[in-house]
Protein backbone atom coordinates (compact mmCIF):
# COMPACT_ATOMS: atom_id res chain seq x y z
CA MET A 1 -2.57 -0.83 -4.31
CA ILE A 2 -2.85 -4.08 -6.24
CA LYS A 3 -2.67 -4.12 -10.05
CA GLY A 4 -4.74 -6.52 -12.17
CA LYS A 5 -1.75 -8.74 -12.99
CA LEU A 6 -0.94 -9.36 -9.32
CA PHE A 7 -4.65 -9.78 -8.53
CA ARG A 8 -4.82 -12.56 -11.16
CA GLN A 9 -1.74 -14.31 -9.75
CA ILE A 10 -3.26 -14.27 -6.26
CA LEU A 11 -6.60 -15.62 -7.53
CA ASP A 12 -4.85 -18.39 -9.48
CA LYS A 13 -3.13 -19.56 -6.29
CA PHE A 14 -6.46 -19.64 -4.43
CA MET A 15 -8.24 -21.58 -7.19
CA THR A 16 -6.08 -24.70 -6.88
CA THR A 17 -8.46 -26.51 -4.50
CA PRO A 18 -12.20 -27.25 -4.69
CA VAL A 19 -12.65 -25.72 -1.22
CA SER A 20 -11.44 -22.31 -2.34
CA GLN A 21 -13.30 -22.57 -5.66
CA GLU A 22 -16.61 -22.82 -3.78
CA ALA A 23 -15.74 -20.29 -1.04
CA ARG A 24 -17.89 -17.21 -0.52
CA VAL A 25 -16.23 -13.96 -1.69
CA GLN A 26 -16.37 -11.08 0.78
CA VAL A 27 -14.59 -7.80 1.48
CA VAL A 28 -13.59 -6.80 5.01
CA PHE A 29 -13.75 -3.10 5.85
CA PRO A 30 -11.34 -1.45 8.33
CA ASN A 31 -14.03 -1.50 11.03
CA GLY A 32 -14.32 -5.31 10.73
CA ASP A 33 -17.62 -5.45 8.79
CA PHE A 34 -17.94 -8.13 6.10
CA TYR A 35 -19.64 -7.35 2.78
CA ASP A 36 -20.44 -9.69 -0.13
CA VAL A 37 -18.97 -8.93 -3.55
CA LYS A 38 -21.82 -8.04 -5.89
CA SER A 39 -19.89 -7.37 -9.11
CA ILE A 40 -16.49 -6.67 -10.63
CA GLN A 41 -16.22 -4.27 -13.56
CA LEU A 42 -13.44 -3.02 -15.83
CA LEU A 43 -13.73 0.76 -16.15
CA GLU A 44 -11.87 3.14 -18.45
CA ASN A 45 -10.54 6.44 -17.09
CA LYS A 46 -11.47 9.49 -19.15
CA LEU A 47 -9.20 11.94 -17.32
CA LEU A 48 -6.12 13.32 -19.07
CA GLY A 49 -2.75 12.81 -17.44
CA VAL A 50 -3.62 9.88 -15.16
CA ARG A 51 -1.13 7.03 -14.91
CA GLU A 52 -3.66 4.23 -15.09
CA THR A 53 -5.97 4.15 -18.10
CA HIS A 54 -8.31 1.51 -16.63
CA ARG A 55 -9.45 0.28 -13.23
CA LEU A 56 -11.10 -2.81 -11.79
CA ALA A 57 -14.03 -1.72 -9.62
CA ILE A 58 -15.45 -4.14 -7.07
CA THR A 59 -19.01 -3.37 -5.94
CA VAL A 60 -20.07 -4.74 -2.55
CA GLU A 61 -23.39 -5.15 -0.77
CA PRO A 62 -24.28 -5.86 2.87
CA THR A 63 -24.31 -9.54 3.80
CA LYS A 64 -27.84 -10.92 3.37
CA CYS A 65 -27.35 -14.19 5.22
CA GLY A 66 -24.98 -14.15 8.13
CA MET A 67 -22.06 -16.46 8.54
CA GLY A 68 -20.53 -17.86 11.70
CA THR A 69 -17.52 -16.37 13.40
CA VAL A 70 -14.17 -16.88 11.67
CA ILE A 71 -12.22 -19.65 13.42
CA LYS A 72 -8.83 -19.15 11.78
CA LYS A 73 -7.08 -17.82 8.71
CA LEU A 74 -5.78 -20.56 6.41
């Protein structure tokens, strides 16, 4: 599980180059399917006794325009 603070640190490292600033944002599911990120929302938990009071929810949608095969991880 990644907390918001660590998520921000990771994003800051990615945003240091123009290439990564313009990169498409996708989520990879365990079966290898790629989905585009549709939205990111901050949600408040209403349940009593939970450790986290808020959550970041990322909504995904099926890829509308396909991309080529991944060549390598940078």
